[in-house]
Amino acid sequence: MNGDNLELDWETVEKRLESALNEALAILEDPSLTLCVDKDGVKVWGKVTSRGYQLRTKWQCTASKEKFIKFVRNFGNRPKWDSNVQESRVLSRLSASTAIVYQQYKKVFAVSSRDILLACKTYTQENGLIEVSTSVESQAFPARDPVIRAKVYTGGYLVEEGDGSATEVTAFSEMDFGGVLPQAAMMRMSGLAMPAFARSINAALDKAI
């Protein structure tokens, strides 16, 4: 589908992104998240919320902040390095920093395939760059049965300069994965998958640099 036919109000999208940015900053500083994974230099904190669950994941990479953000914003390339993603493509662009992106995730064991329709934007923060995504809905682009549409309240990455040549990466999210599995179970599954996700993105970045 042509992204120009999504029938989205761009002013509303921008306001939703600003709200998602504020929600992301809160997750990044929230001391109530509990450490649930500490493996291979990757630490994951999480908690169940009234809307779903939150995750905060920290690791390091060798790419610069700018290269990291450019890499993750190459949305169509994601299935090449993330084995969980079946499809990822840009449907429309409001500006160089704001895009509407469709992604579909593969079925994993008892978890049915999910898809998401996201607004994505890069912001400059005093301490680095932050890529923020949030769900949007379009009657022109509904979920495709039997795929379940997940809802992302906020998600993305904060990248900051670390010690030496390292870049500090913090991935964050609050989402409702949908379906019948308890949110606590989905949080555990997602948290346990994050070290492998970090390895995959670092390996792909190393090849791209």
Protein backbone atom coordinates (compact mmCIF):
# COMPACT_ATOMS: atom_id res chain seq x y z
CA MET A 1 0.00 0.00 0.00
CA ASN A 2 1.15 3.53 -0.74
CA GLY A 3 1.88 5.28 2.55
CA ASP A 4 0.20 8.46 1.30
CA ASN A 5 -3.12 6.59 1.54
CA LEU A 6 -2.82 5.79 5.26
CA GLU A 7 -5.24 8.60 6.17
CA LEU A 8 -3.15 9.70 9.16
CA ASP A 9 -3.28 13.16 10.69
CA TRP A 10 0.37 14.15 10.88
CA GLU A 11 -0.20 16.69 13.65
CA THR A 12 -1.71 13.95 15.78
CA VAL A 13 1.21 11.65 14.92
CA GLU A 14 3.73 14.28 16.02
CA LYS A 15 1.89 14.81 19.32
CA ARG A 16 1.84 11.07 19.93
CA LEU A 17 5.58 10.89 19.27
CA GLU A 18 6.22 13.69 21.77
CA SER A 19 4.20 11.79 24.35
CA ALA A 20 6.12 8.59 23.55
CA LEU A 21 9.40 10.48 24.01
CA ASN A 22 8.34 11.58 27.49
CA GLU A 23 7.26 8.02 28.33
CA ALA A 24 10.63 6.74 27.10
CA LEU A 25 12.55 9.19 29.29
CA ALA A 26 10.52 8.01 32.28
CA ILE A 27 11.35 4.35 31.60
CA LEU A 28 15.04 5.19 31.24
CA GLU A 29 15.06 6.68 34.76
CA ASP A 30 12.52 4.41 36.49
CA PRO A 31 14.13 2.71 39.52
CA SER A 32 11.18 0.34 39.99
CA LEU A 33 12.15 -1.87 37.03
CA THR A 34 13.70 -5.14 38.27
CA LEU A 35 16.89 -6.68 36.89
CA CYS A 36 15.77 -9.90 35.20
CA VAL A 37 18.66 -10.77 32.84
CA ASP A 38 22.42 -10.21 33.18
CA LYS A 39 24.25 -12.12 30.45
CA ASP A 40 27.17 -11.55 28.07
CA GLY A 41 27.46 -7.86 28.94
CA VAL A 42 23.73 -7.27 28.45
CA LYS A 43 21.50 -6.24 31.35
CA VAL A 44 17.72 -6.26 31.14
CA TRP A 45 15.28 -4.71 33.60
CA GLY A 46 11.51 -5.10 33.40
CA LYS A 47 8.15 -4.77 35.07
CA VAL A 48 4.51 -5.50 34.31
CA THR A 49 2.32 -2.41 33.97
CA SER A 50 -1.40 -1.73 33.72
CA ARG A 51 -0.94 -1.43 29.94
CA GLY A 52 1.39 -4.38 29.34
CA TYR A 53 5.06 -4.55 30.27
CA GLN A 54 8.20 -2.43 30.19
CA LEU A 55 11.77 -3.43 29.36
CA ARG A 56 15.03 -1.52 29.62
CA THR A 57 18.16 -3.14 28.15
CA LYS A 58 21.75 -1.88 28.29
CA TRP A 59 24.81 -2.95 26.30
CA GLN A 60 27.76 -1.47 24.43
CA CYS A 61 28.67 -1.34 20.75
CA THR A 62 31.63 -0.03 18.76
CA ALA A 63 29.64 2.09 16.30
CA SER A 64 29.24 5.81 16.84
CA LYS A 65 25.90 7.22 17.97
CA GLU A 66 25.20 8.51 14.49
CA LYS A 67 26.04 5.21 12.77
CA PHE A 68 23.91 3.26 15.23
CA ILE A 69 20.85 5.43 14.61
CA LYS A 70 21.39 5.39 10.84
CA PHE A 71 21.61 1.60 10.98
CA VAL A 72 18.42 1.01 12.97
CA ARG A 73 16.57 3.53 10.79
CA ASN A 74 17.34 1.41 7.73
CA PHE A 75 14.00 -0.23 8.45
CA GLY A 76 13.85 -2.39 5.34
CA ASN A 77 17.14 -4.02 6.30
CA ARG A 78 15.94 -5.35 9.66
CA PRO A 79 14.87 -8.85 8.51
CA LYS A 80 18.47 -9.39 7.36
CA TRP A 81 19.85 -9.16 10.91
CA ASP A 82 16.82 -9.84 13.13
CA SER A 83 15.64 -13.40 12.58
CA ASN A 84 12.37 -12.70 14.42
CA VAL A 85 11.22 -10.12 11.87
CA GLN A 86 9.49 -11.37 8.75
CA GLU A 87 8.78 -8.01 7.13
CA SER A 88 9.80 -4.40 7.76
CA ARG A 89 9.15 -1.48 5.42
CA VAL A 90 8.57 2.25 5.35
CA LEU A 91 5.05 3.19 4.30
CA SER A 92 5.38 6.96 4.44
CA ARG A 93 7.74 9.76 5.51
CA LEU A 94 6.79 13.07 7.06
CA SER A 95 10.41 14.26 7.15
CA ALA A 96 13.96 12.94 7.19
CA SER A 97 13.53 12.09 10.87
CA THR A 98 9.89 10.89 10.94
CA ALA A 99 8.53 7.77 9.23
CA ILE A 100 5.58 5.40 9.35
CA VAL A 101 6.84 1.81 9.42
CA TYR A 102 5.12 -1.56 9.17
CA GLN A 103 6.71 -4.63 10.78
CA GLN A 104 5.57 -8.23 11.08
CA TYR A 105 7.13 -10.69 13.52
CA LYS A 106 7.34 -14.42 12.92
CA LYS A 107 5.35 -16.99 14.88
CA VAL A 108 7.45 -18.43 17.71
CA PHE A 109 6.28 -21.64 19.42
CA ALA A 110 2.92 -20.85 21.07
CA VAL A 111 3.15 -17.16 20.24
CA SER A 112 1.24 -16.25 17.08
CA SER A 113 2.64 -13.84 14.53
CA ARG A 114 2.35 -10.16 15.51
CA ASP A 115 2.49 -6.99 13.49
CA ILE A 116 2.83 -3.32 14.36
CA LEU A 117 2.25 -0.02 12.60
CA LEU A 118 4.71 2.50 14.00
CA ALA A 119 5.53 6.17 13.86
CA CYS A 120 9.31 6.55 14.30
CA LYS A 121 11.36 9.68 14.94
CA THR A 122 14.91 10.59 15.97
CA TYR A 123 15.44 13.25 18.64
CA THR A 124 18.63 14.90 19.83
CA GLN A 125 19.11 14.85 23.61
CA GLU A 126 21.75 16.59 25.68
CA ASN A 127 23.35 13.21 26.41
CA GLY A 128 22.96 11.57 23.00
CA LEU A 129 20.50 10.56 20.30
CA ILE A 130 17.19 8.84 20.95
CA GLU A 131 15.11 6.94 18.41
CA VAL A 132 11.47 6.72 19.49
CA SER A 133 8.66 4.61 18.06
CA THR A 134 4.98 4.42 18.97
CA SER A 135 1.96 2.64 17.56
CA VAL A 136 -0.44 4.40 15.24
CA GLU A 137 -3.66 3.06 13.80
CA SER A 138 -5.00 3.41 10.28
CA GLN A 139 -8.27 2.01 9.02
CA ALA A 140 -6.57 1.87 5.64
CA PHE A 141 -3.95 -0.54 7.03
CA PRO A 142 -5.65 -2.93 9.49
CA ALA A 143 -4.16 -6.08 11.00
CA ARG A 144 -4.13 -9.03 8.60
CA ASP A 145 -5.89 -12.07 10.07
CA PRO A 146 -4.62 -14.33 11.70
CA VAL A 147 -1.81 -11.92 12.63
CA ILE A 148 -2.34 -10.16 15.98
CA ARG A 149 -1.59 -6.46 16.11
CA ALA A 150 0.63 -5.55 19.06
CA LYS A 151 0.57 -2.07 20.61
CA VAL A 152 3.78 -0.19 21.33
CA TYR A 153 3.25 2.74 23.69
CA THR A 154 6.90 3.66 23.38
CA GLY A 155 10.00 1.89 22.14
CA GLY A 156 13.42 2.56 20.72
CA TYR A 157 17.02 3.30 21.64
CA LEU A 158 19.04 5.89 23.51
CA VAL A 159 22.68 5.98 22.34
CA GLU A 160 25.36 7.86 24.27
CA GLU A 161 29.13 8.11 24.24
CA GLY A 162 30.71 5.59 26.60
CA ASP A 163 34.22 5.03 27.86
CA GLY A 164 36.93 5.00 25.22
CA SER A 165 35.56 4.07 21.81
CA ALA A 166 32.45 2.35 23.16
CA THR A 167 28.90 3.59 22.63
CA GLU A 168 26.35 2.95 25.38
CA VAL A 169 23.05 1.61 24.03
CA THR A 170 19.85 1.52 26.06
CA ALA A 171 16.85 -0.08 24.39
CA PHE A 172 13.48 0.66 25.99
CA SER A 173 9.88 -0.32 25.44
CA GLU A 174 6.42 -0.44 26.89
CA MET A 175 4.05 -2.59 24.92
CA ASP A 176 1.04 -4.87 24.92
CA PHE A 177 1.86 -7.91 22.82
CA GLY A 178 -1.79 -8.93 22.57
CA GLY A 179 -3.10 -12.48 22.61
CA VAL A 180 -3.96 -14.61 25.63
CA LEU A 181 -0.56 -15.15 27.27
CA PRO A 182 -0.06 -13.23 30.54
CA GLN A 183 1.97 -10.05 30.23
CA ALA A 184 4.45 -11.37 32.83
CA ALA A 185 5.16 -14.37 30.61
CA MET A 186 5.60 -12.16 27.55
CA MET A 187 7.95 -9.91 29.53
CA ARG A 188 10.10 -12.88 30.56
CA MET A 189 10.26 -14.23 27.01
CA SER A 190 11.13 -10.81 25.59
CA GLY A 191 13.73 -10.14 28.28
CA LEU A 192 15.45 -13.48 27.77
CA ALA A 193 15.67 -12.77 24.03
CA MET A 194 17.44 -9.42 24.46
CA PRO A 195 21.06 -10.67 24.82
CA ALA A 196 20.77 -12.51 21.50
CA PHE A 197 19.14 -9.42 19.97
CA ALA A 198 22.04 -7.24 21.16
CA ARG A 199 24.57 -9.70 19.73
CA SER A 200 22.75 -9.72 16.39
CA ILE A 201 22.62 -5.95 16.07
CA ASN A 202 26.27 -5.58 17.11
CA ALA A 203 27.39 -8.21 14.62
CA ALA A 204 25.41 -6.56 11.83
CA LEU A 205 26.80 -3.15 12.79
CA ASP A 206 30.37 -4.48 12.72
CA LYS A 207 29.84 -5.75 9.19
CA ALA A 208 28.24 -2.48 8.10
CA ILE A 209 30.98 -0.23 9.48
